[in-house]
Protein backbone atom coordinates (compact mmCIF):
# COMPACT_ATOMS: atom_id res chain seq x y z
CA MET A 1 -13.93 -13.76 -8.47
CA ALA A 2 -12.45 -10.38 -7.07
CA ARG A 3 -9.97 -8.73 -9.15
CA TYR A 4 -7.58 -5.97 -8.51
CA VAL A 5 -6.23 -3.10 -10.87
CA ARG A 6 -3.04 -1.77 -11.06
CA PRO A 7 -2.05 1.24 -13.29
CA LEU A 8 1.00 0.56 -15.37
CA VAL A 9 2.00 4.51 -14.66
CA GLN A 10 4.15 6.16 -16.98
CA THR A 11 5.56 9.66 -16.85
CA GLY A 12 6.99 12.24 -19.56
CA LEU A 13 6.38 14.43 -22.28
CA ALA A 14 5.00 11.80 -25.26
CA ARG A 15 1.61 11.20 -23.63
CA PRO A 16 -1.24 9.80 -25.92
CA ASP A 17 -4.52 11.74 -25.91
CA GLU A 18 -6.27 8.79 -24.57
CA ALA A 19 -3.96 8.50 -21.48
CA GLU A 20 -5.50 9.23 -17.96
CA THR A 21 -4.04 11.21 -15.38
CA LEU A 22 -2.94 9.02 -12.29
CA ALA A 23 -4.85 10.78 -8.66
CA GLY A 24 -4.30 14.07 -10.15
CA GLY A 25 -0.20 13.83 -10.23
CA TRP A 26 2.42 13.36 -12.57
CA GLY A 27 1.93 10.20 -13.81
CA TRP A 28 -0.58 8.65 -16.32
CA PHE A 29 -1.37 5.43 -18.05
CA THR A 30 -3.08 4.00 -20.69
CA HIS A 31 -3.04 0.40 -19.44
CA VAL A 32 -3.47 -1.47 -16.32
CA GLU A 33 -2.54 -5.09 -15.18
CA ILE A 34 -5.40 -6.91 -13.68
CA LEU A 35 -4.46 -9.13 -11.06
CA MET A 36 -6.55 -11.93 -9.35
CA ARG A 37 -5.54 -14.66 -6.61
CA ASP A 38 -6.53 -17.67 -8.77
CA ALA A 39 -5.96 -16.46 -12.24
CA ALA A 40 -2.57 -15.06 -14.23
CA PRO A 41 -2.18 -11.34 -14.61
CA ILE A 42 -3.39 -9.77 -17.70
CA VAL A 43 -3.13 -6.33 -19.36
CA ALA A 44 -5.85 -4.33 -20.32
CA LEU A 45 -6.75 -0.93 -21.44
CA ALA A 46 -7.60 1.78 -18.88
CA SER A 47 -10.58 2.53 -21.45
CA ASP A 48 -12.07 -1.30 -20.45
CA LEU A 49 -12.09 -0.22 -16.97
CA THR A 50 -15.48 0.43 -14.81
CA ASP A 51 -16.48 3.98 -14.08
CA GLY A 52 -15.74 2.90 -10.45
CA GLU A 53 -12.26 1.68 -11.00
CA LEU A 54 -11.13 4.49 -13.25
CA SER A 55 -12.55 7.00 -10.55
CA ARG A 56 -10.51 5.51 -7.81
CA LEU A 57 -7.34 5.93 -9.76
CA THR A 58 -8.07 9.24 -11.51
CA SER A 59 -9.33 11.20 -8.89
CA PRO A 60 -7.03 13.95 -7.81
CA ARG A 61 -6.25 13.40 -4.05
CA PRO A 62 -7.23 16.03 -1.78
CA ASP A 63 -4.85 18.00 0.32
CA ILE A 64 -4.08 16.35 3.50
CA ALA A 65 -2.63 18.07 6.83
CA GLY A 66 -1.05 20.99 4.35
CA LEU A 67 0.18 18.31 1.85
CA SER A 68 -0.40 18.65 -1.54
CA PHE A 69 0.18 15.27 -3.89
CA ASP A 70 0.50 17.22 -7.24
CA LEU A 71 4.39 16.35 -6.86
CA PRO A 72 6.08 13.90 -4.51
CA CYS A 73 6.25 14.95 -0.85
CA ILE A 74 8.92 14.50 1.77
CA MET A 75 8.39 13.36 5.44
CA GLY A 76 11.03 13.63 7.69
CA ILE A 77 11.58 11.32 10.20
CA LEU A 78 12.44 12.71 14.05
CA ASN A 79 12.73 10.06 16.59
CA VAL A 80 12.83 10.94 19.93
CA THR A 81 13.85 7.65 21.40
CA PRO A 82 17.06 6.07 22.72
CA ASP A 83 16.77 2.56 20.52
CA SER A 84 15.35 3.24 17.16
CA PHE A 85 16.91 1.31 14.32
CA SER A 86 19.37 3.68 12.81
CA ASP A 87 19.24 7.13 14.68
CA GLY A 88 18.63 6.04 18.47
CA GLY A 89 19.32 8.69 20.81
CA ARG A 90 20.24 11.46 18.59
CA HIS A 91 17.27 13.52 18.97
CA SER A 92 16.34 12.80 22.78
CA ASP A 93 17.38 15.94 23.80
CA MET A 94 14.48 18.35 23.32
CA GLY A 95 16.95 20.96 22.33
CA ASP A 96 18.41 18.58 19.58
CA ALA A 97 14.91 17.37 18.47
CA ILE A 98 13.70 21.11 17.52
CA LYS A 99 16.95 21.84 16.10
CA SER A 100 16.64 18.81 13.86
CA ALA A 101 13.09 19.40 13.19
CA LYS A 102 14.37 22.92 11.72
CA LEU A 103 16.97 21.48 9.68
CA MET A 104 14.82 18.93 7.81
CA VAL A 105 12.51 21.63 6.50
CA ALA A 106 14.97 23.53 5.64
CA GLN A 107 16.48 20.96 3.62
CA GLY A 108 13.19 20.34 2.09
CA ALA A 109 10.65 18.11 4.45
CA ASP A 110 7.05 18.92 3.67
CA ILE A 111 6.05 17.52 7.23
CA ILE A 112 8.04 15.99 10.38
CA ASP A 113 7.07 12.50 11.71
CA ILE A 114 7.77 12.29 15.50
CA GLY A 115 7.68 9.41 17.39
CA GLY A 116 8.16 7.98 20.79
CA GLU A 117 8.60 4.39 20.18
CA SER A 118 10.54 2.44 18.46
CA THR A 119 8.81 -0.24 16.00
CA ARG A 120 11.97 -1.36 14.53
CA PRO A 121 12.05 -5.58 14.62
CA GLY A 122 12.16 -6.96 18.28
CA SER A 123 11.19 -3.47 19.97
CA ILE A 124 9.26 -3.70 23.34
CA GLU A 125 6.43 -1.53 24.14
CA VAL A 126 6.94 1.87 25.71
CA ALA A 127 4.17 2.83 28.10
CA ALA A 128 2.34 5.48 27.07
CA HIS A 129 3.30 8.16 29.81
CA ASP A 130 6.86 7.55 28.84
CA GLU A 131 5.75 7.88 25.02
CA ILE A 132 4.08 11.32 25.49
CA THR A 133 6.94 12.77 28.07
CA ARG A 134 8.72 12.15 24.84
CA THR A 135 7.09 13.63 22.21
CA ALA A 136 4.16 16.11 23.23
CA PRO A 137 7.16 18.90 24.70
CA VAL A 138 8.96 18.61 21.56
CA ILE A 139 5.75 19.20 19.39
CA GLN A 140 4.73 22.23 21.79
CA GLY A 141 8.35 23.47 21.59
CA LEU A 142 8.22 23.58 17.87
CA ARG A 143 4.88 25.39 17.96
CA ASP A 144 5.70 27.83 20.48
CA ALA A 145 8.81 28.43 18.59
CA GLY A 146 6.79 29.14 15.46
CA PHE A 147 7.13 26.22 13.53
CA LYS A 148 4.61 26.30 10.69
CA THR A 149 5.32 23.22 8.82
CA SER A 150 3.07 20.38 9.40
CA ILE A 151 3.62 17.53 12.10
CA SER A 152 2.68 14.10 12.48
CA ILE A 153 2.75 12.14 15.46
CA ASP A 154 3.66 8.09 15.05
CA THR A 155 2.07 6.36 17.69
CA ARG A 156 -0.45 3.38 18.20
CA LYS A 157 -1.93 4.42 21.34
CA ALA A 158 -5.01 6.87 21.85
CA THR A 159 -3.65 8.92 25.04
CA VAL A 160 -0.27 9.73 22.83
CA GLY A 161 -2.33 10.91 20.01
CA GLN A 162 -4.49 13.18 21.98
CA ALA A 163 -1.71 14.60 23.72
CA ALA A 164 0.29 15.03 20.28
CA LEU A 165 -2.66 16.43 18.63
CA THR A 166 -3.36 18.98 21.85
CA ALA A 167 0.12 20.13 21.48
CA GLY A 168 -0.27 21.08 17.56
CA ALA A 169 0.37 17.72 15.57
CA ASP A 170 -1.83 17.86 12.37
CA LEU A 171 -1.52 14.21 11.34
CA VAL A 172 -1.62 10.71 13.14
CA ASN A 173 0.39 7.99 11.99
CA ASP A 174 -0.09 4.41 13.43
CA VAL A 175 1.93 1.30 12.26
CA SER A 176 -0.52 -0.83 13.39
CA GLY A 177 -3.25 0.85 10.99
CA PHE A 178 -5.38 1.82 14.18
CA ILE A 179 -5.90 -1.78 15.24
CA PHE A 180 -3.42 -1.89 18.61
CA ASP A 181 -5.72 0.86 20.10
CA ALA A 182 -9.33 1.00 18.79
CA ASN A 183 -9.97 4.39 20.63
CA LEU A 184 -7.12 6.17 18.63
CA ALA A 185 -9.52 6.00 15.49
CA ARG A 186 -12.33 7.69 17.98
CA VAL A 187 -9.77 10.29 19.04
CA CYS A 188 -8.82 10.89 15.33
CA ALA A 189 -12.45 11.32 14.28
CA ASN A 190 -13.48 13.56 17.23
CA GLN A 191 -10.53 16.03 16.46
CA PHE A 192 -11.22 15.85 12.82
CA ALA A 193 -7.48 14.88 12.37
CA PRO A 194 -6.25 13.35 9.32
CA VAL A 195 -4.55 9.40 9.51
CA CYS A 196 -1.98 7.56 7.81
CA ILE A 197 -2.80 3.69 7.93
CA MET A 198 -0.07 1.26 7.73
CA HIS A 199 -0.18 -2.73 7.29
CA ALA A 200 1.93 -4.84 9.91
CA MET A 201 1.99 -8.42 10.37
CA GLY A 202 1.90 -9.01 13.99
CA ASP A 203 3.59 -7.05 16.79
CA PRO A 204 7.03 -5.13 16.30
CA ALA A 205 8.42 -7.81 19.12
CA THR A 206 7.60 -10.89 17.01
CA MET A 207 6.55 -9.53 13.54
CA GLN A 208 9.64 -10.77 11.72
CA GLU A 209 9.39 -14.50 13.07
CA ASN A 210 8.76 -16.22 9.81
CA PRO A 211 5.65 -14.08 8.34
CA GLN A 212 3.32 -15.64 5.83
CA TYR A 213 1.10 -14.69 3.38
CA ASP A 214 -1.24 -16.42 0.58
CA ASP A 215 -0.26 -13.32 -1.95
CA VAL A 216 1.38 -10.40 0.11
CA LEU A 217 0.42 -7.88 -2.35
CA LEU A 218 -3.24 -8.87 -2.39
CA ASP A 219 -3.43 -9.60 1.46
CA VAL A 220 -1.82 -5.94 2.36
CA TYR A 221 -4.21 -4.42 -0.23
CA ASP A 222 -7.09 -6.24 1.30
CA PHE A 223 -5.86 -5.32 4.70
CA LEU A 224 -5.78 -1.32 4.11
CA ASP A 225 -9.16 -1.57 1.90
CA ALA A 226 -10.99 -2.97 5.00
CA ARG A 227 -9.34 -0.78 7.26
CA ILE A 228 -10.20 2.37 5.44
CA ASP A 229 -13.76 1.19 5.17
CA ALA A 230 -13.28 0.78 9.01
CA LEU A 231 -11.79 4.38 9.58
CA THR A 232 -14.56 6.15 7.52
CA ALA A 233 -17.46 4.04 9.25
CA ILE A 234 -16.68 5.96 12.50
CA GLY A 235 -16.43 9.28 10.52
CA ILE A 236 -12.90 9.86 9.08
CA PRO A 237 -13.22 10.46 5.91
CA ARG A 238 -11.56 8.89 2.93
CA SER A 239 -10.27 12.25 2.01
CA SER A 240 -8.38 12.29 5.20
CA ILE A 241 -6.28 9.11 4.90
CA ILE A 242 -3.17 8.10 3.76
CA ALA A 243 -1.98 4.44 3.06
CA ASP A 244 1.14 2.90 3.54
CA PRO A 245 1.74 -0.61 2.89
CA GLY A 246 4.61 -0.99 5.86
CA ILE A 247 7.63 -2.53 4.33
CA GLY A 248 9.73 -4.34 6.85
CA PHE A 249 6.58 -4.60 9.09
CA GLY A 250 6.11 -8.57 9.42
CA LYS A 251 7.42 -8.81 5.65
CA THR A 252 10.60 -10.88 4.44
CA GLN A 253 13.07 -8.94 1.66
CA SER A 254 11.14 -10.87 -1.11
CA HIS A 255 7.67 -9.68 0.18
CA ASN A 256 9.14 -6.32 0.14
CA LEU A 257 10.25 -6.67 -3.10
CA ALA A 258 6.70 -7.87 -4.38
CA ILE A 259 5.10 -4.64 -2.88
CA LEU A 260 7.74 -2.41 -4.57
CA ASN A 261 7.69 -4.15 -7.67
CA ARG A 262 3.73 -3.36 -8.07
CA ILE A 263 3.08 -0.62 -5.58
CA SER A 264 1.21 1.04 -8.07
CA LEU A 265 -1.91 -1.30 -7.32
CA PHE A 266 -2.15 0.67 -3.94
CA HIS A 267 -3.60 4.18 -5.94
CA CYS A 268 -7.14 1.82 -6.46
CA LEU A 269 -7.25 2.38 -3.05
CA GLY A 270 -8.59 5.88 -3.79
CA VAL A 271 -6.13 7.59 -1.10
CA PRO A 272 -2.68 8.95 -1.27
CA ILE A 273 0.43 6.46 -0.99
CA LEU A 274 3.52 6.48 1.79
CA LEU A 275 6.37 4.70 1.80
CA GLY A 276 8.45 3.94 4.41
CA ALA A 277 11.49 2.10 3.29
CA SER A 278 14.37 4.44 4.06
CA ARG A 279 17.18 2.69 5.53
CA LYS A 280 15.41 -0.74 5.79
CA ARG A 281 17.39 -3.74 6.02
CA PHE A 282 16.58 -5.21 2.65
CA ILE A 283 18.45 -2.04 1.60
CA GLY A 284 21.46 -2.82 3.40
CA THR A 285 21.20 -6.91 2.27
CA ILE A 286 21.09 -6.22 -1.53
CA GLY A 287 23.26 -3.00 -1.39
CA LYS A 288 26.01 -4.67 0.47
CA GLU A 289 25.76 -1.88 3.36
CA PRO A 290 25.43 -3.13 7.13
CA GLN A 291 25.50 -0.09 8.82
CA ALA A 292 21.71 1.56 8.48
CA ASP A 293 23.25 5.10 8.52
CA LYS A 294 24.95 4.55 5.10
CA ARG A 295 21.92 3.14 3.40
CA GLY A 296 21.06 6.81 2.19
CA ALA A 297 21.92 6.16 -1.83
CA GLY A 298 19.80 2.63 -1.54
CA SER A 299 17.47 4.54 -0.18
CA ILE A 300 16.89 6.77 -2.45
CA GLY A 301 16.88 4.49 -5.48
CA VAL A 302 13.89 2.80 -3.85
CA ALA A 303 12.31 6.14 -3.30
CA LEU A 304 12.86 6.99 -6.94
CA ALA A 305 11.55 3.75 -8.37
CA ALA A 306 8.21 4.28 -6.15
CA ILE A 307 7.86 7.69 -7.34
CA THR A 308 7.97 6.41 -10.85
CA GLN A 309 4.88 4.39 -9.68
CA GLY A 310 3.18 7.63 -8.89
CA VAL A 311 3.69 7.18 -4.93
CA GLN A 312 3.00 10.54 -3.32
CA VAL A 313 4.75 10.67 -0.02
CA MET A 314 8.41 9.32 1.15
CA ARG A 315 9.27 8.90 4.67
CA VAL A 316 12.74 9.39 4.78
CA HIS A 317 15.93 9.89 7.38
CA ASP A 318 18.06 11.38 4.86
CA VAL A 319 15.92 14.54 3.73
CA ALA A 320 18.45 16.67 1.82
CA GLU A 321 19.79 13.83 -0.44
CA HIS A 322 16.33 13.06 -0.97
CA ALA A 323 14.89 16.52 -1.95
CA GLN A 324 17.91 16.71 -4.09
CA ALA A 325 17.32 13.65 -5.94
CA ILE A 326 13.31 14.17 -6.40
CA ALA A 327 14.08 17.72 -7.82
CA LEU A 328 16.40 16.18 -10.42
CA TRP A 329 14.11 13.37 -11.12
CA HIS A 330 11.48 15.86 -11.60
CA VAL A 331 13.06 17.97 -14.34
CA CYS A 332 14.55 14.87 -15.97
CA VAL A 333 11.94 12.95 -16.08
CA ALA A 334 8.67 14.34 -15.34
CA GLN A 335 8.23 18.15 -15.77
CA ASP A 336 6.41 19.37 -18.59
């Protein structure tokens, strides 16, 4: 029976001698939760793990696209689309987009994620040509202006990814887990480009129509594990991969919360974890805020809970607020 190992992450100064450092970062653990599909979870000592299990959890994550994972990273969202769920149209002008990217870096963003196709629930696919027209000139404009911060392209399409990499992008972030267009993974392998793979159930147009799982946490884990294996098989090294469990993509509120409650499980993939929960619907539902752009406080709450479980990258809209919260979290909780 397959078993899944979730570190019970802790932070702070009172660290036992036998504690293991999680992924070379700020968290540590002495115990793990063993999850199985047909048995109740059990708590075990970290010292009881196999060498392979322990190595996946403790090996420091190499830098990817200029990101170092010894401290939490912030990915600033720059949607150059007319119809994104919370900021559609705000950055559709190239000048505004470049200005916003620079502002986010000044506020504390470590990488800027540029997307030209909304993948909100119910959205319709954008033609690759239109997506390229929206994104590649912004990336090129930033590089021409001397912008040094890392840039990721949020796309599902090979031609869009290639155009973005040519323009100066550093990482390809695919919400389909490199399934929508198999050629995108080959582009990344050929260009030696690092990637972020995300789990989503179904297409954005229909993904929220009654999604069903046997066990959402373990099903998402298995998907990401399989996709990592598929990408490494075509030449993208594990050391160049980030994984995202895909909050809100083909998942109900209860699914989202089940993943967030045990998100440290994904450290056993052996790659950095990215969380993209910013301003999403469940935050508005629980926090009683129907307006997406007023969900910053709830988004920060979710981010800090994930960071406490060792999650390395936060993909956010409200960069300044997240940077401030993370800085205070660090000095109050995790600073040596």
